[in-house]
Amino acid sequence: MQVAIAARHGELRPDLQQIIEEKSQKLLTYFDRVIAIEVTIDFEGGRVKAEILVDAEHHDNFVSHETGDDVLACFHAALHKMEQQLKRYKEKRRDHRRDTPLKEMPIEDQE
């Protein structure tokens, strides 16, 4: 699995890049069919926008973004949103068979 980190209109310090990469890889604990993760930090006029795209097997990309003043705060908020999306999707996939009622088994008379 690969993590791509990009910065628009500015640069990220190497320590921030390392933190973002390590935290992004923890998304695998929520959904193990992740193929690639793209993190984009956009510095736009004193504001910071963090966007996370997760490419998963057999599904369209998951997207989350957050805008604020601090790089790490925005990234953590976007990461939390992504975790929630992946958890919901995994639960939906796991529980989809439980929506149908179970076939009733005939009860044998015990005499």
PDB file of N, CA and C in Angstrom:
ATOM      1  N   MET A   1       0.843  -1.165   0.000  1.00  0.00           N
ATOM      2  CA  MET A   1       0.000   0.000   0.000  1.00  0.00           C
ATOM      3  C   MET A   1       0.892   1.233   0.000  1.00  0.00           C
ATOM      4  N   GLN A   2       0.535   2.202  -0.790  1.00  0.00           N
ATOM      5  CA  GLN A   2       1.364   3.390  -0.903  1.00  0.00           C
ATOM      6  C   GLN A   2       0.637   4.623  -0.400  1.00  0.00           C
ATOM      7  N   VAL A   3       1.398   5.503   0.219  1.00  0.00           N
ATOM      8  CA  VAL A   3       0.865   6.770   0.714  1.00  0.00           C
ATOM      9  C   VAL A   3       1.572   7.878  -0.054  1.00  0.00           C
ATOM     10  N   ALA A   4       0.802   8.690  -0.766  1.00  0.00           N
ATOM     11  CA  ALA A   4       1.360   9.812  -1.519  1.00  0.00           C
ATOM     12  C   ALA A   4       0.958  11.099  -0.803  1.00  0.00           C
ATOM     13  N   ILE A   5       1.944  11.920  -0.493  1.00  0.00           N
ATOM     14  CA  ILE A   5       1.705  13.186   0.197  1.00  0.00           C
ATOM     15  C   ILE A   5       2.122  14.319  -0.728  1.00  0.00           C
ATOM     16  N   ALA A   6       1.204  15.250  -0.947  1.00  0.00           N
ATOM     17  CA  ALA A   6       1.493  16.391  -1.819  1.00  0.00           C
ATOM     18  C   ALA A   6       1.129  17.680  -1.103  1.00  0.00           C
ATOM     19  N   ALA A   7       1.868  18.742  -1.416  1.00  0.00           N
ATOM     20  CA  ALA A   7       1.583  20.066  -0.863  1.00  0.00           C
ATOM     21  C   ALA A   7       1.424  21.036  -2.031  1.00  0.00           C
ATOM     22  N   ARG A   8       0.350  21.812  -1.993  1.00  0.00           N
ATOM     23  CA  ARG A   8       0.114  22.830  -3.026  1.00  0.00           C
ATOM     24  C   ARG A   8       0.344  24.209  -2.425  1.00  0.00           C
ATOM     25  N   HIS A   9       0.994  25.050  -3.167  1.00  0.00           N
ATOM     26  CA  HIS A   9       1.236  26.447  -2.784  1.00  0.00           C
ATOM     27  C   HIS A   9       2.038  26.565  -1.484  1.00  0.00           C
ATOM     28  N   GLY A  10       2.908  25.628  -1.232  1.00  0.00           N
ATOM     29  CA  GLY A  10       3.742  25.655  -0.040  1.00  0.00           C
ATOM     30  C   GLY A  10       4.470  24.325   0.107  1.00  0.00           C
ATOM     31  N   GLU A  11       5.184  24.181   1.208  1.00  0.00           N
ATOM     32  CA  GLU A  11       5.933  22.957   1.460  1.00  0.00           C
ATOM     33  C   GLU A  11       5.641  22.455   2.861  1.00  0.00           C
ATOM     34  N   LEU A  12       5.759  21.131   3.020  1.00  0.00           N
ATOM     35  CA  LEU A  12       5.607  20.506   4.326  1.00  0.00           C
ATOM     36  C   LEU A  12       6.984  20.154   4.878  1.00  0.00           C
ATOM     37  N   ARG A  13       7.153  20.361   6.169  1.00  0.00           N
ATOM     38  CA  ARG A  13       8.398  19.956   6.802  1.00  0.00           C
ATOM     39  C   ARG A  13       8.494  18.430   6.791  1.00  0.00           C
ATOM     40  N   PRO A  14       9.706  17.878   6.764  1.00  0.00           N
ATOM     41  CA  PRO A  14       9.860  16.416   6.745  1.00  0.00           C
ATOM     42  C   PRO A  14       9.236  15.725   7.955  1.00  0.00           C
ATOM     43  N   ASP A  15       9.264  16.363   9.129  1.00  0.00           N
ATOM     44  CA  ASP A  15       8.670  15.725  10.308  1.00  0.00           C
ATOM     45  C   ASP A  15       7.142  15.645  10.170  1.00  0.00           C
ATOM     46  N   LEU A  16       6.519  16.674   9.572  1.00  0.00           N
ATOM     47  CA  LEU A  16       5.076  16.626   9.326  1.00  0.00           C
ATOM     48  C   LEU A  16       4.725  15.555   8.298  1.00  0.00           C
ATOM     49  N   GLN A  17       5.555  15.422   7.282  1.00  0.00           N
ATOM     50  CA  GLN A  17       5.320  14.386   6.273  1.00  0.00           C
ATOM     51  C   GLN A  17       5.368  12.999   6.904  1.00  0.00           C
ATOM     52  N   GLN A  18       6.319  12.790   7.793  1.00  0.00           N
ATOM     53  CA  GLN A  18       6.453  11.495   8.450  1.00  0.00           C
ATOM     54  C   GLN A  18       5.233  11.206   9.343  1.00  0.00           C
ATOM     55  N   ILE A  19       4.784  12.203  10.099  1.00  0.00           N
ATOM     56  CA  ILE A  19       3.610  12.033  10.957  1.00  0.00           C
ATOM     57  C   ILE A  19       2.379  11.704  10.110  1.00  0.00           C
ATOM     58  N   ILE A  20       2.198  12.438   9.016  1.00  0.00           N
ATOM     59  CA  ILE A  20       1.042  12.213   8.137  1.00  0.00           C
ATOM     60  C   ILE A  20       1.091  10.813   7.540  1.00  0.00           C
ATOM     61  N   GLU A  21       2.262  10.377   7.122  1.00  0.00           N
ATOM     62  CA  GLU A  21       2.383   9.041   6.533  1.00  0.00           C
ATOM     63  C   GLU A  21       2.078   7.948   7.559  1.00  0.00           C
ATOM     64  N   GLU A  22       2.621   8.084   8.770  1.00  0.00           N
ATOM     65  CA  GLU A  22       2.391   7.078   9.806  1.00  0.00           C
ATOM     66  C   GLU A  22       0.919   7.002  10.186  1.00  0.00           C
ATOM     67  N   LYS A  23       0.277   8.149  10.367  1.00  0.00           N
ATOM     68  CA  LYS A  23      -1.135   8.170  10.760  1.00  0.00           C
ATOM     69  C   LYS A  23      -2.022   7.665   9.626  1.00  0.00           C
ATOM     70  N   SER A  24      -1.646   7.955   8.386  1.00  0.00           N
ATOM     71  CA  SER A  24      -2.443   7.501   7.245  1.00  0.00           C
ATOM     72  C   SER A  24      -2.426   5.986   7.119  1.00  0.00           C
ATOM     73  N   GLN A  25      -1.308   5.374   7.443  1.00  0.00           N
ATOM     74  CA  GLN A  25      -1.216   3.923   7.330  1.00  0.00           C
ATOM     75  C   GLN A  25      -2.083   3.211   8.360  1.00  0.00           C
ATOM     76  N   LYS A  26      -2.486   3.914   9.414  1.00  0.00           N
ATOM     77  CA  LYS A  26      -3.370   3.311  10.412  1.00  0.00           C
ATOM     78  C   LYS A  26      -4.776   3.106   9.878  1.00  0.00           C
ATOM     79  N   LEU A  27      -5.090   3.682   8.719  1.00  0.00           N
ATOM     80  CA  LEU A  27      -6.407   3.461   8.105  1.00  0.00           C
ATOM     81  C   LEU A  27      -6.596   2.000   7.721  1.00  0.00           C
ATOM     82  N   LEU A  28      -5.504   1.273   7.553  1.00  0.00           N
ATOM     83  CA  LEU A  28      -5.595  -0.149   7.233  1.00  0.00           C
ATOM     84  C   LEU A  28      -6.229  -0.949   8.362  1.00  0.00           C
ATOM     85  N   THR A  29      -6.190  -0.442   9.591  1.00  0.00           N
ATOM     86  CA  THR A  29      -6.813  -1.167  10.695  1.00  0.00           C
ATOM     87  C   THR A  29      -8.339  -1.113  10.588  1.00  0.00           C
ATOM     88  N   TYR A  30      -8.864  -0.122   9.893  1.00  0.00           N
ATOM     89  CA  TYR A  30     -10.307   0.010   9.743  1.00  0.00           C
ATOM     90  C   TYR A  30     -10.833  -0.731   8.521  1.00  0.00           C
ATOM     91  N   PHE A  31     -10.036  -0.787   7.473  1.00  0.00           N
ATOM     92  CA  PHE A  31     -10.462  -1.467   6.250  1.00  0.00           C
ATOM     93  C   PHE A  31      -9.208  -1.961   5.549  1.00  0.00           C
ATOM     94  N   ASP A  32      -9.069  -3.265   5.427  1.00  0.00           N
ATOM     95  CA  ASP A  32      -7.814  -3.835   4.940  1.00  0.00           C
ATOM     96  C   ASP A  32      -7.692  -3.900   3.418  1.00  0.00           C
ATOM     97  N   ARG A  33      -8.715  -3.525   2.675  1.00  0.00           N
ATOM     98  CA  ARG A  33      -8.652  -3.570   1.218  1.00  0.00           C
ATOM     99  C   ARG A  33      -8.287  -2.223   0.608  1.00  0.00           C
ATOM    100  N   VAL A  34      -7.522  -1.437   1.328  1.00  0.00           N
ATOM    101  CA  VAL A  34      -7.070  -0.138   0.838  1.00  0.00           C
ATOM    102  C   VAL A  34      -5.886  -0.359  -0.092  1.00  0.00           C
ATOM    103  N   ILE A  35      -5.965   0.230  -1.267  1.00  0.00           N
ATOM    104  CA  ILE A  35      -4.890   0.080  -2.252  1.00  0.00           C
ATOM    105  C   ILE A  35      -3.898   1.237  -2.164  1.00  0.00           C
ATOM    106  N   ALA A  36      -4.427   2.471  -2.096  1.00  0.00           N
ATOM    107  CA  ALA A  36      -3.558   3.646  -2.066  1.00  0.00           C
ATOM    108  C   ALA A  36      -4.227   4.765  -1.281  1.00  0.00           C
ATOM    109  N   ILE A  37      -3.400   5.608  -0.686  1.00  0.00           N
ATOM    110  CA  ILE A  37      -3.877   6.771   0.054  1.00  0.00           C
ATOM    111  C   ILE A  37      -3.154   8.005  -0.488  1.00  0.00           C
ATOM    112  N   GLU A  38      -3.929   9.036  -0.817  1.00  0.00           N
ATOM    113  CA  GLU A  38      -3.352  10.300  -1.270  1.00  0.00           C
ATOM    114  C   GLU A  38      -3.743  11.394  -0.288  1.00  0.00           C
ATOM    115  N   VAL A  39      -2.756  12.079   0.240  1.00  0.00           N
ATOM    116  CA  VAL A  39      -2.997  13.188   1.160  1.00  0.00           C
ATOM    117  C   VAL A  39      -2.498  14.451   0.478  1.00  0.00           C
ATOM    118  N   THR A  40      -3.379  15.445   0.369  1.00  0.00           N
ATOM    119  CA  THR A  40      -3.010  16.720  -0.248  1.00  0.00           C
ATOM    120  C   THR A  40      -3.240  17.828   0.771  1.00  0.00           C
ATOM    121  N   ILE A  41      -2.184  18.598   1.028  1.00  0.00           N
ATOM    122  CA  ILE A  41      -2.269  19.750   1.915  1.00  0.00           C
ATOM    123  C   ILE A  41      -2.159  20.983   1.029  1.00  0.00           C
ATOM    124  N   ASP A  42      -3.195  21.816   1.063  1.00  0.00           N
ATOM    125  CA  ASP A  42      -3.249  22.999   0.203  1.00  0.00           C
ATOM    126  C   ASP A  42      -3.172  24.247   1.079  1.00  0.00           C
ATOM    127  N   PHE A  43      -2.134  25.052   0.858  1.00  0.00           N
ATOM    128  CA  PHE A  43      -1.965  26.311   1.589  1.00  0.00           C
ATOM    129  C   PHE A  43      -2.574  27.412   0.731  1.00  0.00           C
ATOM    130  N   GLU A  44      -3.748  27.889   1.097  1.00  0.00           N
ATOM    131  CA  GLU A  44      -4.432  28.882   0.276  1.00  0.00           C
ATOM    132  C   GLU A  44      -4.701  30.143   1.087  1.00  0.00           C
ATOM    133  N   GLY A  45      -3.885  31.141   0.916  1.00  0.00           N
ATOM    134  CA  GLY A  45      -4.092  32.442   1.545  1.00  0.00           C
ATOM    135  C   GLY A  45      -4.188  32.434   3.059  1.00  0.00           C
ATOM    136  N   GLY A  46      -3.259  31.814   3.737  1.00  0.00           N
ATOM    137  CA  GLY A  46      -3.262  31.792   5.195  1.00  0.00           C
ATOM    138  C   GLY A  46      -4.104  30.676   5.794  1.00  0.00           C
ATOM    139  N   ARG A  47      -4.911  30.004   4.988  1.00  0.00           N
ATOM    140  CA  ARG A  47      -5.713  28.863   5.448  1.00  0.00           C
ATOM    141  C   ARG A  47      -5.090  27.576   4.929  1.00  0.00           C
ATOM    142  N   VAL A  48      -5.399  26.497   5.592  1.00  0.00           N
ATOM    143  CA  VAL A  48      -4.875  25.195   5.193  1.00  0.00           C
ATOM    144  C   VAL A  48      -6.056  24.278   4.912  1.00  0.00           C
ATOM    145  N   LYS A  49      -5.987  23.559   3.795  1.00  0.00           N
ATOM    146  CA  LYS A  49      -7.019  22.581   3.470  1.00  0.00           C
ATOM    147  C   LYS A  49      -6.347  21.215   3.344  1.00  0.00           C
ATOM    148  N   ALA A  50      -6.808  20.265   4.134  1.00  0.00           N
ATOM    149  CA  ALA A  50      -6.287  18.895   4.073  1.00  0.00           C
ATOM    150  C   ALA A  50      -7.325  18.022   3.390  1.00  0.00           C
ATOM    151  N   GLU A  51      -6.886  17.257   2.423  1.00  0.00           N
ATOM    152  CA  GLU A  51      -7.786  16.360   1.698  1.00  0.00           C
ATOM    153  C   GLU A  51      -7.169  14.974   1.656  1.00  0.00           C
ATOM    154  N   ILE A  52      -7.985  13.960   1.941  1.00  0.00           N
ATOM    155  CA  ILE A  52      -7.517  12.578   1.936  1.00  0.00           C
ATOM    156  C   ILE A  52      -8.372  11.791   0.956  1.00  0.00           C
ATOM    157  N   LEU A  53      -7.732  11.102   0.022  1.00  0.00           N
ATOM    158  CA  LEU A  53      -8.398  10.219  -0.919  1.00  0.00           C
ATOM    159  C   LEU A  53      -7.900   8.804  -0.653  1.00  0.00           C
ATOM    160  N   VAL A  54      -8.830   7.878  -0.455  1.00  0.00           N
ATOM    161  CA  VAL A  54      -8.464   6.486  -0.222  1.00  0.00           C
ATOM    162  C   VAL A  54      -9.040   5.653  -1.351  1.00  0.00           C
ATOM    163  N   ASP A  55      -8.170   4.942  -2.034  1.00  0.00           N
ATOM    164  CA  ASP A  55      -8.578   4.054  -3.114  1.00  0.00           C
ATOM    165  C   ASP A  55      -8.711   2.655  -2.523  1.00  0.00           C
ATOM    166  N   ALA A  56      -9.921   2.105  -2.566  1.00  0.00           N
ATOM    167  CA  ALA A  56     -10.174   0.783  -1.998  1.00  0.00           C
ATOM    168  C   ALA A  56     -10.585  -0.185  -3.102  1.00  0.00           C
ATOM    169  N   GLU A  57     -10.312  -1.439  -2.862  1.00  0.00           N
ATOM    170  CA  GLU A  57     -10.641  -2.491  -3.796  1.00  0.00           C
ATOM    171  C   GLU A  57     -12.154  -2.599  -3.962  1.00  0.00           C
ATOM    172  N   HIS A  58     -12.632  -2.679  -5.190  1.00  0.00           N
ATOM    173  CA  HIS A  58     -14.045  -2.854  -5.513  1.00  0.00           C
ATOM    174  C   HIS A  58     -14.932  -1.720  -4.999  1.00  0.00           C
ATOM    175  N   HIS A  59     -14.413  -0.513  -4.925  1.00  0.00           N
ATOM    176  CA  HIS A  59     -15.205   0.619  -4.456  1.00  0.00           C
ATOM    177  C   HIS A  59     -14.622   1.895  -5.045  1.00  0.00           C
ATOM    178  N   ASP A  60     -15.468   2.901  -5.209  1.00  0.00           N
ATOM    179  CA  ASP A  60     -14.975   4.211  -5.631  1.00  0.00           C
ATOM    180  C   ASP A  60     -14.111   4.795  -4.523  1.00  0.00           C
ATOM    181  N   ASN A  61     -13.424   5.874  -4.840  1.00  0.00           N
ATOM    182  CA  ASN A  61     -12.564   6.507  -3.841  1.00  0.00           C
ATOM    183  C   ASN A  61     -13.378   7.080  -2.689  1.00  0.00           C
ATOM    184  N   PHE A  62     -12.829   6.959  -1.483  1.00  0.00           N
ATOM    185  CA  PHE A  62     -13.380   7.629  -0.320  1.00  0.00           C
ATOM    186  C   PHE A  62     -12.680   8.986  -0.233  1.00  0.00           C
ATOM    187  N   VAL A  63     -13.420  10.043   0.087  1.00  0.00           N
ATOM    188  CA  VAL A  63     -12.850  11.384   0.121  1.00  0.00           C
ATOM    189  C   VAL A  63     -13.255  12.073   1.416  1.00  0.00           C
ATOM    190  N   SER A  64     -12.293  12.732   2.058  1.00  0.00           N
ATOM    191  CA  SER A  64     -12.607  13.589   3.201  1.00  0.00           C
ATOM    192  C   SER A  64     -11.694  14.808   3.135  1.00  0.00           C
ATOM    193  N   HIS A  65     -12.209  15.944   3.612  1.00  0.00           N
ATOM    194  CA  HIS A  65     -11.385  17.154   3.616  1.00  0.00           C
ATOM    195  C   HIS A  65     -11.797  18.034   4.777  1.00  0.00           C
ATOM    196  N   GLU A  66     -10.866  18.890   5.166  1.00  0.00           N
ATOM    197  CA  GLU A  66     -11.089  19.810   6.279  1.00  0.00           C
ATOM    198  C   GLU A  66     -10.267  21.068   6.033  1.00  0.00           C
ATOM    199  N   THR A  67     -10.814  22.202   6.436  1.00  0.00           N
ATOM    200  CA  THR A  67     -10.135  23.485   6.278  1.00  0.00           C
ATOM    201  C   THR A  67      -9.951  24.116   7.648  1.00  0.00           C
ATOM    202  N   GLY A  68      -8.795  24.740   7.853  1.00  0.00           N
ATOM    203  CA  GLY A  68      -8.521  25.400   9.122  1.00  0.00           C
ATOM    204  C   GLY A  68      -7.233  26.191   9.074  1.00  0.00           C
ATOM    205  N   ASP A  69      -6.679  26.445  10.257  1.00  0.00           N
ATOM    206  CA  ASP A  69      -5.460  27.251  10.348  1.00  0.00           C
ATOM    207  C   ASP A  69      -4.198  26.428  10.558  1.00  0.00           C
ATOM    208  N   ASP A  70      -4.330  25.229  11.114  1.00  0.00           N
ATOM    209  CA  ASP A  70      -3.175  24.408  11.464  1.00  0.00           C
ATOM    210  C   ASP A  70      -3.150  23.148  10.600  1.00  0.00           C
ATOM    211  N   VAL A  71      -1.975  22.790  10.096  1.00  0.00           N
ATOM    212  CA  VAL A  71      -1.830  21.634   9.209  1.00  0.00           C
ATOM    213  C   VAL A  71      -2.238  20.350   9.921  1.00  0.00           C
ATOM    214  N   LEU A  72      -1.667  20.103  11.088  1.00  0.00           N
ATOM    215  CA  LEU A  72      -1.953  18.852  11.791  1.00  0.00           C
ATOM    216  C   LEU A  72      -3.405  18.772  12.260  1.00  0.00           C
ATOM    217  N   ALA A  73      -3.962  19.869  12.715  1.00  0.00           N
ATOM    218  CA  ALA A  73      -5.353  19.860  13.161  1.00  0.00           C
ATOM    219  C   ALA A  73      -6.292  19.540  11.994  1.00  0.00           C
ATOM    220  N   CYS A  74      -6.039  20.133  10.854  1.00  0.00           N
ATOM    221  CA  CYS A  74      -6.859  19.857   9.672  1.00  0.00           C
ATOM    222  C   CYS A  74      -6.701  18.409   9.228  1.00  0.00           C
ATOM    223  N   PHE A  75      -5.466  17.935   9.231  1.00  0.00           N
ATOM    224  CA  PHE A  75      -5.223  16.549   8.826  1.00  0.00           C
ATOM    225  C   PHE A  75      -5.919  15.581   9.774  1.00  0.00           C
ATOM    226  N   HIS A  76      -5.819  15.823  11.080  1.00  0.00           N
ATOM    227  CA  HIS A  76      -6.445  14.925  12.052  1.00  0.00           C
ATOM    228  C   HIS A  76      -7.965  14.919  11.900  1.00  0.00           C
ATOM    229  N   ALA A  77      -8.568  16.078  11.639  1.00  0.00           N
ATOM    230  CA  ALA A  77     -10.013  16.147  11.443  1.00  0.00           C
ATOM    231  C   ALA A  77     -10.424  15.377  10.180  1.00  0.00           C
ATOM    232  N   ALA A  78      -9.678  15.554   9.097  1.00  0.00           N
ATOM    233  CA  ALA A  78      -9.969  14.831   7.859  1.00  0.00           C
ATOM    234  C   ALA A  78      -9.755  13.331   8.046  1.00  0.00           C
ATOM    235  N   LEU A  79      -8.730  12.969   8.811  1.00  0.00           N
ATOM    236  CA  LEU A  79      -8.454  11.558   9.084  1.00  0.00           C
ATOM    237  C   LEU A  79      -9.594  10.935   9.883  1.00  0.00           C
ATOM    238  N   HIS A  80     -10.116  11.667  10.850  1.00  0.00           N
ATOM    239  CA  HIS A  80     -11.236  11.167  11.645  1.00  0.00           C
ATOM    240  C   HIS A  80     -12.465  10.931  10.760  1.00  0.00           C
ATOM    241  N   LYS A  81     -12.723  11.865   9.855  1.00  0.00           N
ATOM    242  CA  LYS A  81     -13.843  11.702   8.928  1.00  0.00           C
ATOM    243  C   LYS A  81     -13.647  10.454   8.064  1.00  0.00           C
ATOM    244  N   MET A  82     -12.415  10.242   7.620  1.00  0.00           N
ATOM    245  CA  MET A  82     -12.119   9.082   6.779  1.00  0.00           C
ATOM    246  C   MET A  82     -12.300   7.783   7.559  1.00  0.00           C
ATOM    247  N   GLU A  83     -11.857   7.772   8.816  1.00  0.00           N
ATOM    248  CA  GLU A  83     -12.034   6.586   9.653  1.00  0.00           C
ATOM    249  C   GLU A  83     -13.515   6.240   9.775  1.00  0.00           C
ATOM    250  N   GLN A  84     -14.354   7.253   9.974  1.00  0.00           N
ATOM    251  CA  GLN A  84     -15.789   7.021  10.108  1.00  0.00           C
ATOM    252  C   GLN A  84     -16.381   6.463   8.807  1.00  0.00           C
ATOM    253  N   GLN A  85     -15.939   6.994   7.676  1.00  0.00           N
ATOM    254  CA  GLN A  85     -16.439   6.494   6.394  1.00  0.00           C
ATOM    255  C   GLN A  85     -16.065   5.027   6.202  1.00  0.00           C
ATOM    256  N   LEU A  86     -14.803   4.696   6.505  1.00  0.00           N
ATOM    257  CA  LEU A  86     -14.349   3.320   6.318  1.00  0.00           C
ATOM    258  C   LEU A  86     -15.051   2.365   7.275  1.00  0.00           C
ATOM    259  N   LYS A  87     -15.271   2.799   8.515  1.00  0.00           N
ATOM    260  CA  LYS A  87     -15.982   1.953   9.484  1.00  0.00           C
ATOM    261  C   LYS A  87     -17.408   1.683   9.009  1.00  0.00           C
ATOM    262  N   ARG A  88     -18.098   2.742   8.553  1.00  0.00           N
ATOM    263  CA  ARG A  88     -19.471   2.574   8.080  1.00  0.00           C
ATOM    264  C   ARG A  88     -19.541   1.629   6.889  1.00  0.00           C
ATOM    265  N   TYR A  89     -18.606   1.790   5.957  1.00  0.00           N
ATOM    266  CA  TYR A  89     -18.604   0.949   4.769  1.00  0.00           C
ATOM    267  C   TYR A  89     -18.320  -0.507   5.136  1.00  0.00           C
ATOM    268  N   LYS A  90     -17.379  -0.719   6.039  1.00  0.00           N
ATOM    269  CA  LYS A  90     -17.041  -2.082   6.447  1.00  0.00           C
ATOM    270  C   LYS A  90     -18.227  -2.740   7.155  1.00  0.00           C
ATOM    271  N   GLU A  91     -18.896  -2.011   8.032  1.00  0.00           N
ATOM    272  CA  GLU A  91     -20.075  -2.538   8.722  1.00  0.00           C
ATOM    273  C   GLU A  91     -21.181  -2.875   7.720  1.00  0.00           C
ATOM    274  N   LYS A  92     -21.363  -2.022   6.744  1.00  0.00           N
ATOM    275  CA  LYS A  92     -22.384  -2.242   5.729  1.00  0.00           C
ATOM    276  C   LYS A  92     -22.089  -3.518   4.944  1.00  0.00           C
ATOM    277  N   ARG A  93     -20.838  -3.711   4.581  1.00  0.00           N
ATOM    278  CA  ARG A  93     -20.447  -4.912   3.840  1.00  0.00           C
ATOM    279  C   ARG A  93     -20.592  -6.162   4.693  1.00  0.00           C
ATOM    280  N   ARG A  94     -20.247  -6.060   5.954  1.00  0.00           N
ATOM    281  CA  ARG A  94     -20.263  -7.224   6.831  1.00  0.00           C
ATOM    282  C   ARG A  94     -21.693  -7.615   7.197  1.00  0.00           C
ATOM    283  N   ASP A  95     -22.580  -6.645   7.394  1.00  0.00           N
ATOM    284  CA  ASP A  95     -23.929  -6.913   7.863  1.00  0.00           C
ATOM    285  C   ASP A  95     -24.966  -7.021   6.754  1.00  0.00           C
ATOM    286  N   HIS A  96     -24.560  -6.980   5.507  1.00  0.00           N
ATOM    287  CA  HIS A  96     -25.564  -6.946   4.444  1.00  0.00           C
ATOM    288  C   HIS A  96     -26.384  -8.227   4.371  1.00  0.00           C
ATOM    289  N   ARG A  97     -25.885  -9.337   4.816  1.00  0.00           N
ATOM    290  CA  ARG A  97     -26.633 -10.590   4.757  1.00  0.00           C
ATOM    291  C   ARG A  97     -27.592 -10.728   5.927  1.00  0.00           C
ATOM    292  N   ARG A  98     -27.404  -9.957   6.967  1.00  0.00           N
ATOM    293  CA  ARG A  98     -28.251 -10.065   8.143  1.00  0.00           C
ATOM    294  C   ARG A  98     -29.584  -9.343   7.969  1.00  0.00           C
ATOM    295  N   ASP A  99     -29.726  -8.584   6.909  1.00  0.00           N
ATOM    296  CA  ASP A  99     -30.973  -7.853   6.685  1.00  0.00           C
ATOM    297  C   ASP A  99     -32.120  -8.771   6.271  1.00  0.00           C
ATOM    298  N   THR A 100     -31.798  -9.908   5.669  1.00  0.00           N
ATOM    299  CA  THR A 100     -32.853 -10.822   5.250  1.00  0.00           C
ATOM    300  C   THR A 100     -33.247 -11.698   6.430  1.00  0.00           C
ATOM    301  N   PRO A 101     -34.544 -11.970   6.580  1.00  0.00           N
ATOM    302  CA  PRO A 101     -34.964 -12.803   7.707  1.00  0.00           C
ATOM    303  C   PRO A 101     -34.494 -14.243   7.533  1.00  0.00           C
ATOM    304  N   LEU A 102     -34.220 -14.865   8.629  1.00  0.00           N
ATOM    305  CA  LEU A 102     -33.789 -16.256   8.592  1.00  0.00           C
ATOM    306  C   LEU A 102     -34.967 -17.140   8.197  1.00  0.00           C
ATOM    307  N   LYS A 103     -34.677 -18.204   7.493  1.00  0.00           N
ATOM    308  CA  LYS A 103     -35.734 -19.148   7.142  1.00  0.00           C
ATOM    309  C   LYS A 103     -36.186 -19.847   8.416  1.00  0.00           C
ATOM    310  N   GLU A 104     -37.456 -19.981   8.524  1.00  0.00           N
ATOM    311  CA  GLU A 104     -37.971 -20.630   9.720  1.00  0.00           C
ATOM    312  C   GLU A 104     -37.782 -22.125   9.596  1.00  0.00           C
ATOM    313  N   MET A 105     -37.260 -22.697  10.634  1.00  0.00           N
ATOM    314  CA  MET A 105     -37.039 -24.138  10.687  1.00  0.00           C
ATOM    315  C   MET A 105     -38.310 -24.782  11.231  1.00  0.00           C
ATOM    316  N   PRO A 106     -38.748 -25.884  10.660  1.00  0.00           N
ATOM    317  CA  PRO A 106     -39.921 -26.560  11.207  1.00  0.00           C
ATOM    318  C   PRO A 106     -39.620 -27.106  12.600  1.00  0.00           C
ATOM    319  N   ILE A 107     -40.558 -26.919  13.487  1.00  0.00           N
ATOM    320  CA  ILE A 107     -40.398 -27.402  14.862  1.00  0.00           C
ATOM    321  C   ILE A 107     -41.035 -28.775  14.951  1.00  0.00           C
ATOM    322  N   GLU A 108     -40.229 -29.718  15.368  1.00  0.00           N
ATOM    323  CA  GLU A 108     -40.736 -31.077  15.486  1.00  0.00           C
ATOM    324  C   GLU A 108     -41.457 -31.227  16.821  1.00  0.00           C
ATOM    325  N   ASP A 109     -42.539 -31.956  16.785  1.00  0.00           N
ATOM    326  CA  ASP A 109     -43.280 -32.206  18.019  1.00  0.00           C
ATOM    327  C   ASP A 109     -42.513 -33.179  18.893  1.00  0.00           C
ATOM    328  N   GLN A 110     -42.427 -32.848  20.114  1.00  0.00           N
ATOM    329  CA  GLN A 110     -41.753 -33.734  21.070  1.00  0.00           C
ATOM    330  C   GLN A 110     -42.806 -34.394  21.932  1.00  0.00           C
ATOM    331  N   GLU A 111     -43.124 -35.628  21.652  1.00  0.00           N
ATOM    332  CA  GLU A 111     -44.142 -36.337  22.418  1.00  0.00           C
ATOM    333  C   GLU A 111     -43.552 -37.423  23.245  1.00  0.00           C
TER     334      GLU A 111
END
